[in-house]
Every structure is written in C-alpha cells, then in structure tokens.
Amino acid sequence: MAVISAGRLAVILGVLVALGPLAIDTYLPAIPAIAAYYGVPVPLVETSLSTYMIGTGLGQLIGGPLSDQYGRKPVAWMGLTLFAVASVAITFTESVLQLNALRFIQALGGGATVVIAAASVRDHFDGSSAVRVLTSIGLVMLIAPLLAPAIGSALLHIHHWHLIFYVLAGYAVFLMALLYTALPTVKPVNLNRGFRGVLRGYRAVMGDRRGAGFVIANGLAFACMFSFVTDSAFVYMEHFGVSEATFPIYFGANVFTMITFNRLNVLLIHRYAPLSVLWLGLLLQTSAALTLFVLVWAGLATLWVSVPLIMLAVGGIALVVPNTLASLMHLFPRNSGSATGLSGATQFFMGGVAGYVISHVHDHSLWPMTSVMAVTGVLAVLVLLVSQWGVDQHPTQDQLVEDSSGH
C-alpha cells in the first residue's frame, strides 16, 4: 500500500497539521494590541478564538468527505488558498466584526486542510503502521502550541500585529508547495460526487454502531480534556493561588504528560491493537477525573493532589485520539475523509459545549470543572462499551500488521 516512508509522511503531515495551532496561538500575544487598534475591550477580540474553533469544525465536516470524492491535494489547495487570502484580508479590517467574519473564513480553509492529514495516512498505511504515523503527527500538535505564542510575540516585537497574519499566509503558501512536491497523489477513494455523496459518507459512519461509538467517545474524551483547558487559569491562579510567573510551569506539566503518553503509545501499538490502547487511555482519563471529583467533594483536593490527577486526565487524550482515528479509518477505508472530518468536528463541538457549560455555571469553585470532566469521562467509557458490545471484535494485532504490509 505504502509508496512513501512512514517517517517522511509523518513529517509532511505534521507540518501540515501545525497550521491549526499556529493560526490559533500565534496571535494570542497580540490580542491586547489588536483590541487597542480597534478601540474595543480585550474580551471582544477574544471572541475571534471561538469563531475560529467553530469555523474549523465546519471546515472539517466539509473538507473530509470532499477529499474522499475529489482527492486530498485539490481539497488541501482549496483550503490553503482560502486560508491565505483570509489571512491577508484580516490585515485590512477596521472592526472586530470584520475580524470575526474573516477568522471564520480562515478557519473554514484551515479546517478543510488539516482534516486530510489522517485520511492521507489511511491512503498509505493501515493498522499499527497508521497509528505510528498518527502518533508522530500528534506529537507536532502538542509541540506547536508551545512554540506558537513565542513566535507571535517575536513577530509582534519586530513589527505591527499585521505581520503575524502575513506570516500565516506565507506558511499556507509554503504548505501548498510542500504538498505539491512531496505528498504522493492518490486517486479519490469515493467517486460518489455531490451533496448526497457527502451525506452518504456521514451516514455510513454514524449508521455503524462501532463507527458512531468511536466518534462520540472520542469527542467526549476531548471534552473532558478541554474542560480543564477552559478553567485552567482559574484553577491554578485563583483557586490554588499560583502566581502568573509559575502558571506556565503547572500548565506545561500537562503538555509534558501528553508528550510522554504520545511516546508510550508508539511502544504499546507494537504489542497491542489500537482498540486496546484506546480503552487504556479512556479508563486512565476517566479514573483520574472521577478521583479528582471525589476529592473535591470530600474537601481533600489540595494543589499537590490535584496536579498529578489533572495531568493523567489531560494526558490520556494522547492515547485516545490516534487510536480512535486508526480504528475509524480501518472500518471506513472508502470514507476515511468523512470519518476523520466527522470525528474532528465532533471534538470541537463537544469541547466547545463543555467550555460553555463551565463558564455559565461557574461558582468560583472546582465543582464545575471537575463535574464536567467526570461526566464526560464516564459517558465516553459507556458509549464505547455499548458500541462494542455484542459485535465482532476489532481486528487482531496480527491482522493489523498484515493490513499494514499492503494486503
């Protein structure tokens, strides 16, 4: 099956998926400057973050199935062109309303582009080989958010905040050239063109009990993790009294755990099927979230007890996502773009809902965050359990190795 090495494909697609974190995080240091430029409060500019998240989810829903029907490269080029044009147009905006509109368009292009990454892996690899490539790509997704704010800050000091969006546009053009020269062209896997074809792709995924279970459980697990991200500043700085100077250390500990689990995943998939490692990640995440919830209820959630539990609950997602994607793509080889697009969009939607719930019921305690983390974690386990109950078992490790060898 493979016409490109796993390492080379991981590098190409890793650089591609970095577009998302760069688009979100590079302009964070510039938000006060953008607010001053428009003459509005900072929170008003921060709404463009939510706008980008929503646009990215919709872009994945559109781009995934279209890449099945028209090919990965054409859809990626279309998305990157839209992203680049919107990035440049942002520098000419004169209001937050215009900024939000163009951030939404930018996100549509970005979402339609990055969603081809997982589907491209399925074009060349399957089973454990696919998980290894997806895990390497996931490592880039973990490192990029650490570097992006520093890049944005440096660009802001070099010139005006507009430079950040010019650089993002330039990065999109670079990606177009990279995909043209380095990514092998693969024939479309699903030639049922048109809107009905798109709907058929989603219906094929959600109409299958296992497929729907993977999508929903993965979204709930992401929501569990994103619940902490949403409330992290309050938890550490206001509730536990951590200073602004040391907050990045506590927050970075979660990224360290995710990177560690990412590397652990590479070792585990040599011996276990993706579904088994997925179960490990979900149970680890849910156990940590439930323990934290009980400790808050008992009044025993000190900083030094909460930090390691949060690290486990957040880090578990590094075992869940790549193995969910590998399992989905194995089930739907002809609709891998639809499957990955639906999975990605569900992540953004459920993560957004979790954040919305926490922010609107916040009572200045740990209850909202820990409650949502516990509920989403338990639901993820239950959904996966029900979806797998009474159906044929997922392919064995030997079968996955055989698939990944090109049979």
Protein backbone atom coordinates (compact mmCIF):
# COMPACT_ATOMS: atom_id res chain seq x y z
CA MET A 1 0.00 0.00 0.00
CA ALA A 2 2.71 2.49 1.01
CA VAL A 3 4.57 4.49 -1.68
CA ILE A 4 6.17 6.80 0.89
CA SER A 5 8.04 6.05 4.09
CA ALA A 6 6.20 6.41 7.37
CA GLY A 7 8.78 8.88 8.67
CA ARG A 8 8.59 11.14 5.63
CA LEU A 9 4.79 11.11 5.62
CA ALA A 10 4.72 11.95 9.33
CA VAL A 11 6.98 14.97 8.75
CA ILE A 12 4.90 16.28 5.83
CA LEU A 13 1.58 15.86 7.57
CA GLY A 14 2.98 17.08 10.89
CA VAL A 15 3.99 20.35 9.24
CA LEU A 16 0.50 20.48 7.71
CA VAL A 17 -1.47 20.00 10.94
CA ALA A 18 0.69 22.62 12.66
CA LEU A 19 -1.36 25.14 10.68
CA GLY A 20 -4.15 24.86 13.27
CA PRO A 21 -2.13 25.63 16.42
CA LEU A 22 -0.24 28.37 14.60
CA ALA A 23 -3.45 30.03 13.45
CA ILE A 24 -4.89 29.92 16.98
CA ASP A 25 -1.90 30.59 19.22
CA THR A 26 0.46 32.90 17.31
CA TYR A 27 -1.87 35.87 17.65
CA LEU A 28 -2.66 35.37 21.35
CA PRO A 29 0.15 37.74 22.49
CA ALA A 30 -1.19 40.33 20.04
CA ILE A 31 -4.79 40.36 21.30
CA PRO A 32 -4.27 43.47 23.51
CA ALA A 33 -2.65 45.27 20.59
CA ILE A 34 -5.50 44.27 18.27
CA ALA A 35 -8.04 45.47 20.85
CA ALA A 36 -6.25 48.80 21.13
CA TYR A 37 -6.13 49.06 17.32
CA TYR A 38 -9.91 48.63 17.09
CA GLY A 39 -10.56 50.64 20.26
CA VAL A 40 -12.52 47.85 21.94
CA PRO A 41 -12.13 45.78 25.15
CA VAL A 42 -9.87 42.73 25.03
CA PRO A 43 -12.71 40.20 25.66
CA LEU A 44 -14.41 41.37 22.49
CA VAL A 45 -11.35 40.40 20.45
CA GLU A 46 -11.12 37.08 22.28
CA THR A 47 -14.43 36.05 20.71
CA SER A 48 -12.48 35.50 17.50
CA LEU A 49 -10.95 32.43 19.18
CA SER A 50 -14.38 30.82 19.50
CA THR A 51 -15.19 31.89 15.97
CA TYR A 52 -12.09 30.12 14.69
CA MET A 53 -12.94 26.93 16.61
CA ILE A 54 -16.45 26.81 15.13
CA GLY A 55 -15.18 27.51 11.62
CA THR A 56 -12.54 24.80 11.94
CA GLY A 57 -15.14 22.23 12.92
CA LEU A 58 -17.34 23.14 9.97
CA GLY A 59 -14.33 23.13 7.64
CA GLN A 60 -13.52 19.58 8.70
CA LEU A 61 -17.09 18.47 8.07
CA ILE A 62 -16.90 19.87 4.55
CA GLY A 63 -13.30 19.06 3.70
CA GLY A 64 -13.23 15.45 4.89
CA PRO A 65 -15.83 13.97 2.53
CA LEU A 66 -14.80 16.25 -0.34
CA SER A 67 -11.27 14.86 -0.08
CA ASP A 68 -12.74 11.36 -0.43
CA GLN A 69 -14.52 12.41 -3.62
CA TYR A 70 -12.06 14.78 -5.29
CA GLY A 71 -8.71 13.78 -3.80
CA ARG A 72 -6.60 15.02 -0.89
CA LYS A 73 -4.45 17.54 -2.75
CA PRO A 74 -7.21 19.52 -4.54
CA VAL A 75 -9.13 19.97 -1.29
CA ALA A 76 -5.98 20.95 0.60
CA TRP A 77 -5.02 23.50 -2.06
CA MET A 78 -8.53 24.95 -2.00
CA GLY A 79 -8.43 25.20 1.80
CA LEU A 80 -4.95 26.70 1.90
CA THR A 81 -5.87 29.28 -0.72
CA LEU A 82 -8.91 30.31 1.31
CA PHE A 83 -6.78 30.43 4.47
CA ALA A 84 -4.06 32.57 2.85
CA VAL A 85 -6.48 35.06 1.26
CA ALA A 86 -8.42 35.47 4.53
CA SER A 87 -5.17 35.92 6.48
CA VAL A 88 -4.08 38.79 4.25
CA ALA A 89 -7.58 40.30 4.27
CA ILE A 90 -7.54 40.40 8.09
CA THR A 91 -4.76 42.99 7.95
CA PHE A 92 -7.18 45.38 6.22
CA THR A 93 -10.01 45.03 8.76
CA GLU A 94 -11.28 48.03 10.69
CA SER A 95 -13.61 46.37 13.19
CA VAL A 96 -13.98 43.28 15.35
CA LEU A 97 -16.99 42.25 13.26
CA GLN A 98 -14.82 42.14 10.15
CA LEU A 99 -12.11 40.28 12.09
CA ASN A 100 -14.59 37.61 13.21
CA ALA A 101 -16.01 37.18 9.72
CA LEU A 102 -12.57 36.69 8.19
CA ARG A 103 -11.38 34.46 11.04
CA PHE A 104 -14.37 32.25 10.30
CA ILE A 105 -13.44 32.08 6.60
CA GLN A 106 -9.80 31.49 7.53
CA ALA A 107 -10.88 28.63 9.81
CA LEU A 108 -13.02 27.04 7.10
CA GLY A 109 -9.94 26.82 4.90
CA GLY A 110 -7.73 25.66 7.75
CA GLY A 111 -10.18 23.00 8.90
CA ALA A 112 -10.71 21.66 5.37
CA THR A 113 -6.92 21.44 5.01
CA VAL A 114 -5.80 19.76 8.23
CA VAL A 115 -8.57 17.15 8.08
CA ILE A 116 -6.85 15.48 5.12
CA ALA A 117 -3.91 14.52 7.33
CA ALA A 118 -5.47 11.48 9.00
CA ALA A 119 -7.17 10.42 5.77
CA SER A 120 -3.82 10.68 3.94
CA VAL A 121 -2.32 8.32 6.49
CA ARG A 122 -5.05 5.79 5.65
CA ASP A 123 -4.21 6.18 1.95
CA HIS A 124 -0.76 4.75 2.60
CA PHE A 125 -0.87 2.79 5.87
CA ASP A 126 -3.27 0.78 8.00
CA GLY A 127 -3.39 -0.75 11.45
CA SER A 128 -0.36 -0.30 13.69
CA SER A 129 1.63 1.46 10.98
CA ALA A 130 -1.12 4.07 10.70
CA VAL A 131 -1.15 4.56 14.47
CA ARG A 132 2.61 5.14 14.50
CA VAL A 133 2.31 7.86 11.86
CA LEU A 134 -0.72 9.42 13.59
CA THR A 135 1.13 9.40 16.90
CA SER A 136 4.09 11.22 15.34
CA ILE A 137 1.69 13.77 13.86
CA GLY A 138 0.07 14.13 17.26
CA LEU A 139 3.46 14.99 18.75
CA VAL A 140 3.64 18.01 16.44
CA MET A 141 0.17 19.03 17.61
CA LEU A 142 1.50 19.02 21.17
CA ILE A 143 4.71 20.92 20.48
CA ALA A 144 3.24 23.56 18.15
CA PRO A 145 1.07 25.25 20.84
CA LEU A 146 4.18 25.64 22.99
CA LEU A 147 6.12 27.43 20.23
CA ALA A 148 3.32 29.42 18.59
CA PRO A 149 2.88 32.13 21.30
CA ALA A 150 6.63 32.75 21.33
CA ILE A 151 6.62 33.09 17.54
CA GLY A 152 3.71 35.52 17.72
CA SER A 153 5.40 37.56 20.42
CA ALA A 154 8.61 37.80 18.38
CA LEU A 155 6.69 38.91 15.27
CA LEU A 156 4.83 41.49 17.34
CA HIS A 157 8.11 42.99 18.53
CA ILE A 158 9.53 43.00 15.01
CA HIS A 159 6.59 44.87 13.52
CA HIS A 160 2.87 45.50 13.85
CA TRP A 161 0.38 42.69 14.65
CA HIS A 162 -0.44 42.56 10.95
CA LEU A 163 2.87 40.76 10.40
CA ILE A 164 1.51 37.70 12.22
CA PHE A 165 -1.22 37.23 9.63
CA TYR A 166 1.15 37.87 6.74
CA VAL A 167 3.38 35.11 8.11
CA LEU A 168 0.37 32.79 8.43
CA ALA A 169 -0.48 33.48 4.78
CA GLY A 170 3.11 32.76 3.82
CA TYR A 171 3.02 29.50 5.76
CA ALA A 172 -0.09 28.47 3.81
CA VAL A 173 1.70 29.14 0.51
CA PHE A 174 4.67 27.11 1.73
CA LEU A 175 2.33 24.21 2.54
CA MET A 176 0.84 24.34 -0.95
CA ALA A 177 4.29 23.94 -2.44
CA LEU A 178 5.20 21.19 0.03
CA LEU A 179 2.09 19.14 -0.76
CA TYR A 180 2.63 19.58 -4.49
CA THR A 181 6.22 18.36 -4.42
CA ALA A 182 6.35 15.89 -1.52
CA LEU A 183 2.96 14.25 -0.98
CA PRO A 184 2.17 11.40 -3.41
CA THR A 185 -1.00 11.83 -5.43
CA VAL A 186 -3.65 9.25 -4.57
CA LYS A 187 -6.82 8.59 -6.56
CA PRO A 188 -10.08 9.58 -4.83
CA VAL A 189 -11.39 6.72 -2.69
CA ASN A 190 -15.07 7.60 -3.16
CA LEU A 191 -16.34 8.80 -6.53
CA ASN A 192 -19.94 9.41 -5.41
CA ARG A 193 -19.84 13.13 -6.09
CA GLY A 194 -22.28 15.75 -4.89
CA PHE A 195 -24.00 16.68 -1.67
CA ARG A 196 -25.76 13.34 -1.45
CA GLY A 197 -22.38 11.65 -1.57
CA VAL A 198 -21.24 13.74 1.37
CA LEU A 199 -24.32 12.78 3.36
CA ARG A 200 -23.86 9.13 2.43
CA GLY A 201 -20.34 9.27 3.84
CA TYR A 202 -21.52 10.63 7.18
CA ARG A 203 -24.45 8.22 7.22
CA ALA A 204 -22.09 5.31 6.64
CA VAL A 205 -20.01 6.33 9.68
CA MET A 206 -22.82 7.22 12.08
CA GLY A 207 -25.05 4.40 10.86
CA ASP A 208 -22.47 1.88 12.04
CA ARG A 209 -22.66 1.29 15.78
CA ARG A 210 -18.91 0.93 16.17
CA GLY A 211 -18.20 3.97 13.99
CA ALA A 212 -20.66 6.16 15.89
CA GLY A 213 -19.22 4.89 19.18
CA PHE A 214 -15.68 5.84 18.18
CA VAL A 215 -16.74 9.34 17.06
CA ILE A 216 -18.83 10.12 20.14
CA ALA A 217 -16.46 8.57 22.70
CA ASN A 218 -13.53 10.44 21.18
CA GLY A 219 -15.49 13.72 21.32
CA LEU A 220 -16.41 13.16 24.97
CA ALA A 221 -12.80 12.36 25.87
CA PHE A 222 -11.70 15.56 24.16
CA ALA A 223 -14.38 17.47 26.09
CA CYS A 224 -13.00 16.03 29.33
CA MET A 225 -9.56 17.36 28.48
CA PHE A 226 -10.85 20.71 27.17
CA SER A 227 -12.82 21.24 30.38
CA PHE A 228 -9.52 21.69 32.19
CA VAL A 229 -8.08 23.92 29.45
CA THR A 230 -11.12 26.18 29.73
CA ASP A 231 -10.83 26.58 33.50
CA SER A 232 -7.07 26.16 33.96
CA ALA A 233 -6.31 29.80 34.76
CA PHE A 234 -8.97 29.89 37.50
CA VAL A 235 -7.95 26.51 38.94
CA TYR A 236 -4.27 27.28 39.33
CA MET A 237 -4.06 31.05 39.79
CA GLU A 238 -7.28 31.95 41.60
CA HIS A 239 -8.24 28.78 43.46
CA PHE A 240 -4.78 27.48 44.38
CA GLY A 241 -3.04 30.87 44.38
CA VAL A 242 -0.32 30.03 41.86
CA SER A 243 1.46 33.13 40.57
CA GLU A 244 1.34 34.26 36.96
CA ALA A 245 5.06 33.54 36.67
CA THR A 246 4.73 29.89 37.71
CA PHE A 247 1.39 29.19 35.98
CA PRO A 248 3.09 28.17 32.69
CA ILE A 249 5.05 25.53 34.61
CA TYR A 250 1.92 23.92 36.02
CA PHE A 251 0.12 24.15 32.70
CA GLY A 252 3.18 22.85 30.86
CA ALA A 253 3.22 19.78 33.09
CA ASN A 254 0.07 18.62 31.29
CA VAL A 255 1.73 19.07 27.91
CA PHE A 256 4.70 17.07 29.20
CA THR A 257 2.34 14.25 30.20
CA MET A 258 0.69 14.29 26.79
CA ILE A 259 4.07 14.07 25.08
CA THR A 260 5.08 11.21 27.38
CA PHE A 261 1.88 9.30 26.63
CA ASN A 262 2.35 10.06 22.95
CA ARG A 263 5.72 8.29 23.07
CA LEU A 264 4.24 5.49 25.19
CA ASN A 265 1.63 4.94 22.51
CA VAL A 266 4.37 4.22 19.99
CA LEU A 267 5.64 1.39 22.20
CA LEU A 268 2.22 -0.03 23.03
CA ILE A 269 0.99 -0.34 19.46
CA HIS A 270 3.86 -2.72 18.70
CA ARG A 271 2.20 -5.24 21.00
CA TYR A 272 -1.48 -4.31 21.26
CA ALA A 273 -4.31 -3.50 18.87
CA PRO A 274 -5.41 0.18 18.63
CA LEU A 275 -8.74 -0.60 20.33
CA SER A 276 -6.95 -1.99 23.39
CA VAL A 277 -4.76 1.10 23.74
CA LEU A 278 -7.83 3.29 23.23
CA TRP A 279 -9.51 1.55 26.17
CA LEU A 280 -6.40 2.13 28.28
CA GLY A 281 -6.46 5.86 27.53
CA LEU A 282 -10.17 6.23 28.27
CA LEU A 283 -10.03 4.29 31.54
CA LEU A 284 -6.96 6.20 32.68
CA GLN A 285 -8.56 9.55 31.90
CA THR A 286 -11.90 8.69 33.48
CA SER A 287 -10.36 7.18 36.63
CA ALA A 288 -8.30 10.34 37.20
CA ALA A 289 -11.31 12.62 36.55
CA LEU A 290 -13.53 10.64 38.92
CA THR A 291 -10.87 10.59 41.64
CA LEU A 292 -10.46 14.35 41.37
CA PHE A 293 -14.23 14.80 41.56
CA VAL A 294 -14.44 12.68 44.74
CA LEU A 295 -11.55 14.56 46.36
CA VAL A 296 -13.25 17.90 45.65
CA TRP A 297 -16.46 16.52 47.17
CA ALA A 298 -14.52 15.39 50.25
CA GLY A 299 -12.64 18.70 50.56
CA LEU A 300 -9.27 16.99 50.04
CA ALA A 301 -8.33 18.40 46.64
CA THR A 302 -5.07 20.15 47.52
CA LEU A 303 -2.76 21.52 44.83
CA TRP A 304 -0.28 18.67 45.10
CA VAL A 305 -3.01 16.05 44.86
CA SER A 306 -4.89 17.77 42.05
CA VAL A 307 -1.93 18.43 39.75
CA PRO A 308 -0.98 14.77 39.06
CA LEU A 309 -4.63 13.78 38.62
CA ILE A 310 -5.18 16.59 36.13
CA MET A 311 -2.00 15.53 34.32
CA LEU A 312 -3.38 11.99 33.93
CA ALA A 313 -6.83 13.16 32.87
CA VAL A 314 -5.38 15.51 30.27
CA GLY A 315 -2.56 13.23 29.16
CA GLY A 316 -4.90 10.32 28.50
CA ILE A 317 -6.14 12.05 25.34
CA ALA A 318 -2.77 11.29 23.72
CA LEU A 319 -3.69 7.58 23.87
CA VAL A 320 -7.29 8.11 22.80
CA VAL A 321 -7.16 10.26 19.66
CA PRO A 322 -4.63 8.42 17.43
CA ASN A 323 -6.11 5.02 18.23
CA THR A 324 -9.64 6.26 17.63
CA LEU A 325 -8.62 7.60 14.22
CA ALA A 326 -6.83 4.37 13.31
CA SER A 327 -9.87 2.31 14.34
CA LEU A 328 -12.21 4.57 12.36
CA MET A 329 -10.09 4.50 9.22
CA HIS A 330 -9.83 0.72 9.37
CA LEU A 331 -13.62 0.47 9.49
CA PHE A 332 -14.21 3.02 6.69
CA PRO A 333 -11.42 2.84 4.10
CA ARG A 334 -13.68 4.32 1.40
CA ASN A 335 -14.98 7.06 3.67
CA SER A 336 -11.87 7.83 5.71
CA GLY A 337 -12.17 11.56 4.97
CA SER A 338 -15.77 11.60 6.16
CA ALA A 339 -14.85 9.59 9.26
CA THR A 340 -11.94 11.82 10.27
CA GLY A 341 -13.82 15.01 9.40
CA LEU A 342 -16.78 13.94 11.49
CA SER A 343 -14.53 12.93 14.36
CA GLY A 344 -12.62 16.22 14.31
CA ALA A 345 -15.78 18.32 14.09
CA THR A 346 -17.32 16.38 16.98
CA GLN A 347 -14.23 17.09 19.08
CA PHE A 348 -14.53 20.83 18.52
CA PHE A 349 -18.28 20.83 19.12
CA MET A 350 -18.20 18.80 22.34
CA GLY A 351 -15.17 20.68 23.65
CA GLY A 352 -16.96 23.95 22.98
CA VAL A 353 -20.12 22.77 24.74
CA ALA A 354 -18.07 21.66 27.77
CA GLY A 355 -16.38 25.05 27.94
CA TYR A 356 -19.69 26.85 27.55
CA VAL A 357 -21.28 24.85 30.37
CA ILE A 358 -18.38 25.51 32.75
CA SER A 359 -18.29 29.24 32.06
CA HIS A 360 -22.04 29.65 32.56
CA VAL A 361 -22.41 27.68 35.80
CA HIS A 362 -19.17 28.79 37.39
CA ASP A 363 -19.46 29.38 41.13
CA HIS A 364 -15.77 30.17 41.80
CA SER A 365 -15.02 26.63 42.93
CA LEU A 366 -13.64 23.44 41.39
CA TRP A 367 -17.11 21.90 41.16
CA PRO A 368 -18.00 22.98 37.59
CA MET A 369 -14.75 21.77 36.03
CA THR A 370 -14.45 18.51 37.93
CA SER A 371 -18.14 17.70 37.44
CA VAL A 372 -17.97 18.14 33.67
CA MET A 373 -14.69 16.19 33.50
CA ALA A 374 -16.18 13.30 35.47
CA VAL A 375 -19.43 13.22 33.48
CA THR A 376 -17.78 13.37 30.06
CA GLY A 377 -15.21 10.76 31.07
CA VAL A 378 -17.83 8.30 32.31
CA LEU A 379 -20.02 8.88 29.25
CA ALA A 380 -17.05 8.24 26.93
CA VAL A 381 -16.44 4.86 28.57
CA LEU A 382 -20.13 3.93 28.47
CA VAL A 383 -20.52 4.96 24.82
CA LEU A 384 -17.53 2.90 23.72
CA LEU A 385 -18.69 -0.06 25.80
CA VAL A 386 -22.19 -0.04 24.30
CA SER A 387 -20.87 0.45 20.77
CA GLN A 388 -18.57 -2.58 21.07
CA TRP A 389 -20.96 -4.83 22.98
CA GLY A 390 -22.14 -7.88 21.06
CA VAL A 391 -20.36 -7.08 17.78
CA ASP A 392 -17.44 -8.86 16.18
CA GLN A 393 -14.19 -7.93 17.79
CA HIS A 394 -11.91 -5.41 16.15
CA PRO A 395 -9.13 -6.96 14.03
CA THR A 396 -6.36 -8.64 15.97
CA GLN A 397 -2.85 -7.28 16.09
CA ASP A 398 -1.72 -9.92 13.57
CA GLN A 399 -4.46 -8.85 11.15
CA LEU A 400 -3.49 -5.21 11.55
CA VAL A 401 0.14 -5.97 10.81
CA GLU A 402 -0.96 -7.91 7.72
CA ASP A 403 -3.08 -4.94 6.62
CA SER A 404 -0.24 -2.51 7.15
CA SER A 405 2.03 -4.65 4.96
CA GLY A 406 -0.19 -3.83 1.98
CA HIS A 407 -2.68 -6.72 1.79
